[in-house]
Amino acid sequence: MKAIDIKLVVRIMSFLLLIESFFMLISAGVGFYYNEPSMKFLILSSITTSVLGVVGIVSTPRINRNMHKREGYLVVALVWVVFSVFGMLPSYWSGYIPNITDAFFETMSGFSTTGATIIQDVDNFPHGLMFWRCLQQWLGGMGIVVLSLAILPLISEGGMTLFSAESTGPTKDKIHAKISYTAKVFWGTYIGLTGLNAFSLWLGGMGIFDSICHALTTLSTGGFSTKSAGLGHWQSPLLEYITIVFMFLGGTNFTLYFFLFKGQFRKIFSNEEFKYYIFTVLLFATLICSCLILHHIEYSWENAIRDSLFYVLSMITTTGQITTDFMQWPPFVFTLLWIVMLLGASSGSTSGGIKIARIILLMKNSYYEFKRLIHPNAVIPVRYNDQIIQPQMINNVLAFVVLYLVIVLISTVIFTATGLSFEDAFGASASALGNVGPSIGTIGTGNFSHFTAPAKWLMSFLMLVGRLELFTVLILFTPSFWKK
């Protein structure tokens, strides 16, 4: 096995930094429109990022070979850290987030689409920095590397390695032989749905700036808001129903949209994960709605149905959008919400969590294991979407789920060592690893400003690990990864 080509990694990272600097400039334009002093810090950060990107490109040779797996994993893991380091500069240099720990935490929360925050007064945050904050989630939702595959032909060689390392779910769906085409379709769909979401929110009575920002963070299932009270600031059932629809769309496998555009509706409604996704949402929403009606006499049926759908989708898609303090509801309700927070929505979507596809495969394999015990000589394969799943895939799913739960438990222990209660520690672990934002306990709606610095760095690490689905990051800590 050859050594990792560091120059190739640096060259690709440098091109990606140019992409980040471009989006910083767009945010600076928003600051210029609102005549805000913070605009100059966005411009300065963009210049700094682009200069380092150009230096990296000039100092490295052209790519003349396919990328190997180890280099792909290294690029994908590093780009999220590097983007967060440069992405935090505008908020840090402007003084709006004067602490490096807090600035990195907020930016990693943005790019990983977690939605956890340390900002206590979001309402007075400058428009340019606010837009950059929301744009981070939008970029991270579909994936930084997936965007580069769509617009940078120079890294299409070895692109499947990059795509697999960053995409979510146990299966990596290709809709075309060229991975760049798949990336373009995904991003084209993503942009179209974001625009439709923004237009719908604007028609619903939200201002143009707020509607664009909320669209950026809803389709990405990120959850950052322009208001401290979140969507609850507007007290508008219509805006909540619009957000319900687009949270559901953000949690849907983007491959299904390709089938929708092709008119292949049978492939959509025969997809097992999509059917279980709908069933799970309806089941938990029904349970929560019933509980709210039983425990809150003042709740109308419409209000209970809306709140139950909103929060089930907010948690299962890991959007983390809020309208009220759900921790004031009966314990049965936020216990159910914690369960769906762990589950996550569809693979190939912008959501976090374990993913419904893995749960389906795990449950099927567990059920068939009973049959294998009764009929030890029988060959009973696991089928998913009418295809036989190879044992290696089942082993991967089992390893993922076990590792996921182990990380939550270990992180919980570490968080308690920083002074958190068990409930807060457990909630923070699950929220960060699942890229959710809101949590249980005293954290509730997702403000982590009171956490200690070590706890914030641990949460930042968990956000990264969760967004890249464990293996892509953790493999870097194995000795065999670095050996020739």
Protein backbone atom coordinates (compact mmCIF):
# COMPACT_ATOMS: atom_id res chain seq x y z
CA MET A 1 0.00 0.00 0.00
CA LYS A 2 1.41 3.41 -0.98
CA ALA A 3 1.82 6.31 1.44
CA ILE A 4 -0.86 8.99 1.50
CA ASP A 5 -0.22 11.67 -1.12
CA ILE A 6 -0.34 14.75 1.13
CA LYS A 7 0.22 17.13 -1.80
CA LEU A 8 -2.89 15.81 -3.52
CA VAL A 9 -4.87 16.31 -0.30
CA VAL A 10 -3.53 19.86 0.07
CA ARG A 11 -4.39 20.73 -3.54
CA ILE A 12 -7.99 19.56 -3.23
CA MET A 13 -8.37 21.30 0.13
CA SER A 14 -7.06 24.51 -1.45
CA PHE A 15 -9.70 24.45 -4.19
CA LEU A 16 -12.36 23.87 -1.53
CA LEU A 17 -11.13 26.92 0.40
CA LEU A 18 -11.78 29.04 -2.68
CA ILE A 19 -15.38 27.82 -2.61
CA GLU A 20 -15.70 28.87 1.03
CA SER A 21 -14.22 32.30 0.35
CA PHE A 22 -16.76 32.82 -2.44
CA PHE A 23 -19.70 32.20 -0.11
CA MET A 24 -18.13 34.51 2.48
CA LEU A 25 -18.17 37.25 -0.16
CA ILE A 26 -21.87 36.64 -0.77
CA SER A 27 -22.47 37.09 2.95
CA ALA A 28 -20.38 40.27 2.87
CA GLY A 29 -22.74 41.52 0.15
CA VAL A 30 -25.64 41.03 2.55
CA GLY A 31 -23.73 43.03 5.18
CA PHE A 32 -23.08 45.76 2.58
CA TYR A 33 -26.80 45.92 1.75
CA TYR A 34 -27.63 46.49 5.42
CA ASN A 35 -24.67 48.90 5.82
CA GLU A 36 -23.13 46.92 8.69
CA PRO A 37 -19.54 47.36 9.97
CA SER A 38 -19.23 43.57 10.27
CA MET A 39 -19.08 43.46 6.45
CA LYS A 40 -15.36 44.26 6.47
CA PHE A 41 -14.62 41.22 8.65
CA LEU A 42 -16.40 38.96 6.17
CA ILE A 43 -14.35 40.48 3.34
CA LEU A 44 -11.12 40.15 5.33
CA SER A 45 -11.92 36.52 6.14
CA SER A 46 -12.75 35.83 2.49
CA ILE A 47 -9.45 37.35 1.34
CA THR A 48 -7.48 35.39 3.94
CA THR A 49 -9.17 32.14 2.98
CA SER A 50 -8.76 32.67 -0.76
CA VAL A 51 -5.08 33.67 -0.47
CA LEU A 52 -4.26 30.49 1.43
CA GLY A 53 -6.26 28.53 -1.14
CA VAL A 54 -4.30 30.05 -4.03
CA VAL A 55 -0.98 29.43 -2.26
CA GLY A 56 -1.96 25.79 -1.76
CA ILE A 57 -2.88 25.38 -5.44
CA VAL A 58 0.27 27.06 -6.75
CA SER A 59 2.55 25.05 -4.46
CA THR A 60 1.15 21.63 -5.38
CA PRO A 61 1.27 19.69 -8.68
CA ARG A 62 -1.75 18.96 -10.84
CA ILE A 63 -3.78 15.88 -10.06
CA ASN A 64 -2.74 13.17 -12.51
CA ARG A 65 -4.06 10.00 -10.88
CA ASN A 66 -7.12 8.60 -9.18
CA MET A 67 -7.61 9.28 -5.52
CA HIS A 68 -7.25 6.33 -3.19
CA LYS A 69 -9.61 5.63 -0.31
CA ARG A 70 -7.31 6.84 2.43
CA GLU A 71 -6.79 10.18 0.73
CA GLY A 72 -10.54 10.48 0.20
CA TYR A 73 -11.28 9.88 3.87
CA LEU A 74 -8.58 12.37 4.89
CA VAL A 75 -9.92 15.09 2.56
CA VAL A 76 -13.50 14.66 3.73
CA ALA A 77 -12.61 14.65 7.44
CA LEU A 78 -10.22 17.59 7.18
CA VAL A 79 -12.40 19.82 5.04
CA TRP A 80 -15.07 20.09 7.73
CA VAL A 81 -12.48 21.06 10.34
CA VAL A 82 -10.67 23.50 8.04
CA PHE A 83 -13.95 25.07 6.86
CA SER A 84 -14.95 25.57 10.50
CA VAL A 85 -11.59 27.15 11.38
CA PHE A 86 -11.81 29.70 8.55
CA GLY A 87 -15.59 29.99 8.81
CA MET A 88 -15.39 31.19 12.40
CA LEU A 89 -13.07 34.11 11.54
CA PRO A 90 -15.77 36.72 10.73
CA SER A 91 -17.60 36.20 14.04
CA TYR A 92 -14.35 36.02 16.01
CA TRP A 93 -12.57 38.98 14.40
CA SER A 94 -15.68 41.17 14.59
CA GLY A 95 -15.97 40.49 18.32
CA TYR A 96 -19.51 39.17 18.16
CA ILE A 97 -18.20 35.81 19.37
CA PRO A 98 -14.92 36.86 21.05
CA ASN A 99 -14.03 33.42 22.39
CA ILE A 100 -12.24 30.95 20.08
CA THR A 101 -13.93 27.96 21.68
CA ASP A 102 -17.38 29.48 21.23
CA ALA A 103 -16.63 30.66 17.69
CA PHE A 104 -15.44 27.21 16.59
CA PHE A 105 -18.36 25.52 18.37
CA GLU A 106 -20.90 27.76 16.63
CA THR A 107 -19.30 27.28 13.21
CA MET A 108 -18.94 23.50 13.53
CA SER A 109 -22.57 23.42 14.65
CA GLY A 110 -23.38 25.31 11.47
CA PHE A 111 -21.47 23.22 8.95
CA SER A 112 -22.50 19.95 10.61
CA THR A 113 -26.16 21.15 10.55
CA THR A 114 -26.47 20.51 14.28
CA GLY A 115 -28.09 23.82 15.19
CA ALA A 116 -26.72 23.95 18.75
CA THR A 117 -25.77 27.50 19.67
CA ILE A 118 -23.98 29.59 22.26
CA ILE A 119 -25.53 32.88 21.08
CA GLN A 120 -28.08 34.12 23.61
CA ASP A 121 -29.37 37.14 21.70
CA VAL A 122 -29.65 36.04 18.08
CA ASP A 123 -32.10 38.85 17.27
CA ASN A 124 -29.34 41.50 17.45
CA PHE A 125 -26.77 39.55 15.42
CA PRO A 126 -25.67 41.46 12.26
CA HIS A 127 -27.44 40.46 9.03
CA GLY A 128 -24.22 39.61 7.19
CA LEU A 129 -22.94 37.33 9.94
CA MET A 130 -26.43 35.87 10.38
CA PHE A 131 -26.62 35.04 6.69
CA TRP A 132 -23.14 33.44 6.79
CA ARG A 133 -24.26 31.44 9.83
CA CYS A 134 -27.30 30.09 7.93
CA LEU A 135 -25.31 29.58 4.74
CA GLN A 136 -22.92 27.33 6.66
CA GLN A 137 -25.80 24.97 7.42
CA TRP A 138 -26.98 25.03 3.83
CA LEU A 139 -23.51 24.12 2.56
CA GLY A 140 -23.11 21.40 5.16
CA GLY A 141 -26.56 19.94 4.55
CA MET A 142 -25.96 18.46 1.12
CA GLY A 143 -22.23 18.27 1.69
CA ILE A 144 -19.19 20.41 0.98
CA VAL A 145 -17.43 17.72 -1.02
CA VAL A 146 -20.61 16.78 -2.92
CA LEU A 147 -20.82 20.44 -4.00
CA SER A 148 -17.22 20.34 -5.18
CA LEU A 149 -17.92 17.18 -7.19
CA ALA A 150 -20.73 19.04 -8.94
CA ILE A 151 -18.71 22.13 -9.89
CA LEU A 152 -15.05 21.05 -9.93
CA PRO A 153 -14.30 18.52 -12.70
CA LEU A 154 -10.68 18.29 -11.54
CA ILE A 155 -11.59 16.11 -8.56
CA SER A 156 -14.10 13.90 -10.35
CA GLU A 157 -11.37 11.26 -10.57
CA GLY A 158 -11.80 9.20 -7.44
CA GLY A 159 -15.02 11.09 -6.81
CA MET A 160 -16.95 8.04 -5.67
CA THR A 161 -14.53 7.69 -2.76
CA LEU A 162 -15.26 11.26 -1.69
CA PHE A 163 -18.99 10.86 -2.27
CA SER A 164 -19.15 7.68 -0.18
CA ALA A 165 -17.13 9.19 2.65
CA GLU A 166 -19.42 12.21 3.00
CA SER A 167 -22.88 10.89 2.05
CA THR A 168 -25.20 9.60 4.73
CA GLY A 169 -26.73 6.16 5.15
CA PRO A 170 -25.62 2.53 4.72
CA THR A 171 -26.04 2.65 0.93
CA LYS A 172 -24.60 5.23 -1.48
CA ASP A 173 -27.07 5.80 -4.30
CA LYS A 174 -25.69 6.63 -7.73
CA ILE A 175 -28.22 7.68 -10.34
CA HIS A 176 -25.65 7.90 -13.12
CA ALA A 177 -22.33 6.32 -14.05
CA LYS A 178 -20.63 9.68 -13.53
CA ILE A 179 -20.62 10.70 -9.87
CA SER A 180 -20.38 14.36 -10.91
CA TYR A 181 -23.78 14.01 -12.62
CA THR A 182 -25.28 12.56 -9.43
CA ALA A 183 -23.83 15.45 -7.43
CA LYS A 184 -25.27 17.99 -9.90
CA VAL A 185 -28.75 16.41 -9.72
CA PHE A 186 -28.67 16.37 -5.92
CA TRP A 187 -27.51 19.97 -5.66
CA GLY A 188 -29.90 21.14 -8.37
CA THR A 189 -32.80 19.57 -6.46
CA TYR A 190 -31.49 21.04 -3.22
CA ILE A 191 -31.30 24.55 -4.66
CA GLY A 192 -34.77 24.26 -6.21
CA LEU A 193 -36.40 23.09 -2.99
CA THR A 194 -34.61 25.81 -1.00
CA GLY A 195 -35.92 28.47 -3.37
CA LEU A 196 -39.44 27.06 -3.17
CA ASN A 197 -39.23 27.00 0.62
CA ALA A 198 -38.07 30.63 0.79
CA PHE A 199 -40.83 31.74 -1.60
CA SER A 200 -43.47 29.85 0.41
CA LEU A 201 -42.32 31.43 3.70
CA TRP A 202 -42.35 34.87 2.10
CA LEU A 203 -45.89 34.34 0.83
CA GLY A 204 -46.79 33.16 4.34
CA GLY A 205 -45.89 36.54 5.80
CA MET A 206 -42.21 36.22 6.70
CA GLY A 207 -39.79 38.93 5.62
CA ILE A 208 -37.54 38.22 2.65
CA PHE A 209 -34.32 38.03 4.69
CA ASP A 210 -35.87 35.78 7.34
CA SER A 211 -37.54 33.58 4.72
CA ILE A 212 -34.26 33.00 2.86
CA CYS A 213 -32.35 32.25 6.07
CA HIS A 214 -35.00 29.83 7.33
CA ALA A 215 -35.15 28.10 3.95
CA LEU A 216 -31.37 27.63 4.06
CA THR A 217 -31.56 26.01 7.48
CA THR A 218 -34.75 23.99 6.94
CA LEU A 219 -33.81 22.06 3.79
CA SER A 220 -30.41 21.42 5.34
CA THR A 221 -32.20 20.17 8.49
CA GLY A 222 -29.94 22.50 10.45
CA GLY A 223 -32.37 24.59 12.47
CA PHE A 224 -30.56 27.90 12.96
CA SER A 225 -33.06 30.75 13.16
CA THR A 226 -32.86 34.52 12.84
CA LYS A 227 -34.85 34.83 16.08
CA SER A 228 -34.08 33.66 19.61
CA ALA A 229 -37.59 32.21 19.85
CA GLY A 230 -37.14 30.34 16.58
CA LEU A 231 -40.16 29.94 14.36
CA GLY A 232 -42.31 30.59 17.44
CA HIS A 233 -41.42 34.28 17.08
CA TRP A 234 -44.03 34.67 14.32
CA GLN A 235 -46.84 32.75 16.08
CA SER A 236 -48.08 31.70 12.65
CA PRO A 237 -49.71 28.29 12.07
CA LEU A 238 -49.28 28.79 8.30
CA LEU A 239 -45.49 29.24 8.60
CA GLU A 240 -45.33 26.18 10.84
CA TYR A 241 -47.22 24.03 8.31
CA ILE A 242 -44.91 25.24 5.53
CA THR A 243 -41.90 24.31 7.66
CA ILE A 244 -43.44 20.91 8.44
CA VAL A 245 -43.64 20.15 4.71
CA PHE A 246 -40.07 21.19 3.95
CA MET A 247 -38.59 19.47 7.01
CA PHE A 248 -40.21 16.29 5.70
CA LEU A 249 -38.73 16.91 2.24
CA GLY A 250 -35.29 17.56 3.73
CA GLY A 251 -35.47 14.23 5.55
CA THR A 252 -36.33 12.32 2.36
CA ASN A 253 -33.70 10.46 0.33
CA PHE A 254 -32.75 12.83 -2.51
CA THR A 255 -32.52 9.92 -4.94
CA LEU A 256 -36.32 9.70 -4.79
CA TYR A 257 -36.60 13.21 -6.22
CA PHE A 258 -34.74 12.01 -9.30
CA PHE A 259 -37.36 9.27 -9.71
CA LEU A 260 -40.07 11.90 -9.19
CA PHE A 261 -38.69 14.08 -12.00
CA LYS A 262 -38.50 11.00 -14.24
CA GLY A 263 -42.12 10.11 -13.44
CA GLN A 264 -41.07 6.80 -11.89
CA PHE A 265 -43.59 7.00 -9.04
CA ARG A 266 -43.60 3.27 -8.42
CA LYS A 267 -39.95 3.40 -7.33
CA ILE A 268 -40.82 6.10 -4.82
CA PHE A 269 -43.76 4.43 -3.13
CA SER A 270 -42.19 0.97 -3.21
CA ASN A 271 -39.10 2.24 -1.41
CA GLU A 272 -39.06 0.56 2.00
CA GLU A 273 -37.27 3.33 3.83
CA PHE A 274 -39.67 5.98 2.50
CA LYS A 275 -42.69 3.95 3.64
CA TYR A 276 -41.22 3.38 7.10
CA TYR A 277 -40.26 7.07 7.27
CA ILE A 278 -43.88 8.10 6.74
CA PHE A 279 -45.14 5.40 9.12
CA THR A 280 -42.73 6.45 11.88
CA VAL A 281 -43.67 10.12 11.60
CA LEU A 282 -47.40 9.36 11.70
CA LEU A 283 -47.06 6.86 14.56
CA PHE A 284 -45.10 9.13 16.88
CA ALA A 285 -47.15 12.20 15.93
CA THR A 286 -50.34 10.30 16.81
CA LEU A 287 -48.95 9.22 20.19
CA ILE A 288 -47.77 12.73 21.05
CA CYS A 289 -50.99 14.35 19.84
CA SER A 290 -53.05 12.00 22.01
CA CYS A 291 -50.86 12.75 25.02
CA LEU A 292 -51.14 16.51 24.54
CA ILE A 293 -54.93 16.31 24.31
CA LEU A 294 -55.14 14.14 27.44
CA HIS A 295 -52.79 16.27 29.53
CA HIS A 296 -53.66 19.75 28.23
CA ILE A 297 -57.38 20.39 28.14
CA GLU A 298 -56.80 23.85 26.60
CA TYR A 299 -55.15 22.26 23.53
CA SER A 300 -57.36 22.26 20.47
CA TRP A 301 -57.16 19.31 18.09
CA GLU A 302 -55.62 21.49 15.39
CA ASN A 303 -52.99 22.86 17.74
CA ALA A 304 -52.12 19.40 19.07
CA ILE A 305 -51.87 17.90 15.56
CA ARG A 306 -49.69 20.79 14.36
CA ASP A 307 -47.36 20.73 17.35
CA SER A 308 -47.00 16.94 17.28
CA LEU A 309 -46.20 16.86 13.55
CA PHE A 310 -43.87 19.83 13.85
CA TYR A 311 -41.80 18.42 16.69
CA VAL A 312 -41.70 14.84 15.44
CA LEU A 313 -40.37 16.07 12.09
CA SER A 314 -38.08 18.59 13.74
CA MET A 315 -36.48 15.80 15.79
CA ILE A 316 -36.52 12.85 13.36
CA THR A 317 -35.02 14.99 10.59
CA THR A 318 -32.66 16.49 13.22
CA THR A 319 -33.66 19.99 12.08
CA GLY A 320 -34.13 21.10 15.67
CA GLN A 321 -36.46 23.97 14.78
CA ILE A 322 -38.56 25.15 17.75
CA THR A 323 -41.84 26.95 18.38
CA THR A 324 -42.14 26.45 22.14
CA ASP A 325 -40.33 24.87 25.09
CA PHE A 326 -41.27 21.20 24.65
CA MET A 327 -39.59 20.34 27.97
CA GLN A 328 -42.72 21.77 29.63
CA TRP A 329 -44.75 18.95 28.09
CA PRO A 330 -45.34 15.61 29.86
CA PRO A 331 -42.22 13.39 30.20
CA PHE A 332 -43.84 10.80 27.92
CA VAL A 333 -43.77 13.33 25.07
CA PHE A 334 -40.13 14.35 25.24
CA THR A 335 -39.17 10.72 25.77
CA LEU A 336 -40.79 9.93 22.42
CA LEU A 337 -39.05 12.93 20.88
CA TRP A 338 -35.72 11.68 22.21
CA ILE A 339 -36.35 8.29 20.56
CA VAL A 340 -37.04 9.81 17.13
CA MET A 341 -34.01 12.06 17.63
CA LEU A 342 -31.87 8.93 17.83
CA LEU A 343 -33.56 7.32 14.82
CA GLY A 344 -32.97 10.05 12.26
CA ALA A 345 -34.74 10.20 8.90
CA SER A 346 -33.77 8.74 5.52
CA SER A 347 -30.35 7.81 4.24
CA GLY A 348 -29.25 10.06 1.38
CA SER A 349 -31.02 13.00 3.03
CA THR A 350 -29.64 16.00 4.91
CA SER A 351 -30.69 14.61 8.31
CA GLY A 352 -28.50 13.13 11.04
CA GLY A 353 -29.11 10.26 13.45
CA ILE A 354 -28.77 6.54 12.90
CA LYS A 355 -31.08 6.54 9.83
CA ILE A 356 -34.23 4.52 9.25
CA ALA A 357 -32.55 2.28 6.65
CA ARG A 358 -30.15 0.97 9.28
CA ILE A 359 -33.00 0.37 11.72
CA ILE A 360 -34.90 -1.59 9.04
CA LEU A 361 -31.88 -3.77 8.25
CA LEU A 362 -31.16 -4.31 11.92
CA MET A 363 -34.74 -5.33 12.73
CA LYS A 364 -34.99 -7.62 9.71
CA ASN A 365 -31.74 -9.35 10.52
CA SER A 366 -32.82 -9.79 14.16
CA TYR A 367 -36.13 -11.30 13.06
CA TYR A 368 -34.47 -13.66 10.59
CA GLU A 369 -32.00 -14.71 13.27
CA PHE A 370 -34.90 -16.39 15.12
CA LYS A 371 -35.72 -18.30 11.93
CA ARG A 372 -32.08 -19.32 11.52
CA LEU A 373 -32.05 -20.70 15.05
CA ILE A 374 -35.09 -22.86 14.27
CA HIS A 375 -33.81 -23.83 10.80
CA PRO A 376 -30.00 -23.81 11.12
CA ASN A 377 -29.42 -25.31 7.66
CA ALA A 378 -31.67 -22.86 5.84
CA VAL A 379 -30.26 -19.94 3.88
CA ILE A 380 -32.38 -16.94 4.88
CA PRO A 381 -30.98 -13.74 3.39
CA VAL A 382 -32.06 -10.24 4.37
CA ARG A 383 -33.89 -8.46 1.58
CA TYR A 384 -34.19 -4.69 1.27
CA ASN A 385 -36.07 -3.05 -1.61
CA ASP A 386 -36.31 -6.47 -3.29
CA GLN A 387 -32.55 -6.93 -3.24
CA ILE A 388 -30.50 -9.39 -1.20
CA ILE A 389 -28.28 -7.59 1.29
CA GLN A 390 -24.80 -9.01 1.60
CA PRO A 391 -23.59 -10.09 5.08
CA GLN A 392 -20.86 -7.45 4.92
CA MET A 393 -23.51 -4.74 4.80
CA ILE A 394 -25.32 -6.25 7.80
CA ASN A 395 -22.05 -6.35 9.71
CA ASN A 396 -21.44 -2.71 8.82
CA VAL A 397 -24.87 -1.73 10.14
CA LEU A 398 -24.39 -3.70 13.35
CA ALA A 399 -20.97 -2.14 13.88
CA PHE A 400 -22.36 1.35 13.23
CA VAL A 401 -25.28 1.05 15.67
CA VAL A 402 -23.14 -0.50 18.43
CA LEU A 403 -20.40 2.11 17.95
CA TYR A 404 -22.99 4.90 17.87
CA LEU A 405 -24.46 3.85 21.22
CA VAL A 406 -21.02 3.28 22.76
CA ILE A 407 -19.94 6.80 21.76
CA VAL A 408 -23.11 8.25 23.32
CA LEU A 409 -22.44 6.39 26.57
CA ILE A 410 -18.73 7.30 26.75
CA SER A 411 -19.50 10.93 25.94
CA THR A 412 -22.16 10.95 28.63
CA VAL A 413 -19.59 9.85 31.22
CA ILE A 414 -17.14 12.54 30.07
CA PHE A 415 -19.83 15.23 30.15
CA THR A 416 -20.75 14.31 33.73
CA ALA A 417 -17.07 14.78 34.62
CA THR A 418 -17.41 18.41 33.49
CA GLY A 419 -20.19 18.95 36.02
CA LEU A 420 -23.34 18.19 34.02
CA SER A 421 -26.20 16.14 35.41
CA PHE A 422 -26.73 12.71 33.88
CA GLU A 423 -29.85 13.89 32.03
CA ASP A 424 -28.09 16.91 30.53
CA ALA A 425 -24.98 14.86 29.69
CA PHE A 426 -26.95 12.11 28.01
CA GLY A 427 -29.04 14.63 26.07
CA ALA A 428 -25.98 16.59 24.94
CA SER A 429 -24.25 13.42 23.72
CA ALA A 430 -27.23 12.24 21.70
CA SER A 431 -27.96 15.73 20.38
CA ALA A 432 -24.40 16.42 19.21
CA LEU A 433 -23.77 12.99 17.68
CA GLY A 434 -27.17 13.05 15.97
CA ASN A 435 -26.66 16.66 14.75
CA VAL A 436 -29.97 17.66 16.31
CA GLY A 437 -29.41 20.84 18.37
CA PRO A 438 -32.21 20.77 20.97
CA SER A 439 -31.82 18.31 23.80
CA ILE A 440 -33.46 17.05 26.96
CA GLY A 441 -32.97 18.25 30.53
CA THR A 442 -32.19 21.87 31.33
CA ILE A 443 -30.66 22.38 27.86
CA GLY A 444 -34.05 22.05 26.20
CA THR A 445 -34.18 24.24 23.12
CA GLY A 446 -30.47 23.96 22.37
CA ASN A 447 -28.42 26.78 23.94
CA PHE A 448 -25.08 25.49 25.23
CA SER A 449 -23.48 28.78 26.31
CA HIS A 450 -23.20 27.57 29.93
CA PHE A 451 -21.10 24.52 29.00
CA THR A 452 -17.44 24.48 30.00
CA ALA A 453 -14.76 24.83 27.30
CA PRO A 454 -13.81 21.10 27.39
CA ALA A 455 -17.50 20.17 27.03
CA LYS A 456 -17.85 22.47 24.00
CA TRP A 457 -14.78 20.97 22.31
CA LEU A 458 -16.12 17.48 22.93
CA MET A 459 -19.48 18.50 21.47
CA SER A 460 -17.72 19.95 18.42
CA PHE A 461 -15.92 16.65 17.90
CA LEU A 462 -19.17 14.70 18.28
CA MET A 463 -20.87 16.98 15.73
CA LEU A 464 -18.13 16.23 13.20
CA VAL A 465 -18.20 12.48 13.90
CA GLY A 466 -21.99 12.39 13.65
CA ARG A 467 -22.16 14.38 10.40
CA LEU A 468 -19.63 12.08 8.71
CA GLU A 469 -21.27 8.96 10.17
CA LEU A 470 -18.53 7.80 12.53
CA PHE A 471 -16.23 5.73 10.34
CA THR A 472 -14.91 8.53 8.12
CA VAL A 473 -13.51 10.39 11.13
CA LEU A 474 -12.68 7.56 13.53
CA ILE A 475 -10.70 5.63 10.91
CA LEU A 476 -8.12 8.44 11.03
CA PHE A 477 -7.30 7.42 14.60
CA THR A 478 -6.35 3.86 13.67
CA PRO A 479 -2.62 3.07 13.18
CA SER A 480 -3.30 1.02 10.03
CA PHE A 481 -4.68 4.11 8.27
CA TRP A 482 -1.28 5.82 8.33
CA LYS A 483 0.91 2.80 7.55
CA LYS A 484 2.32 2.33 4.06
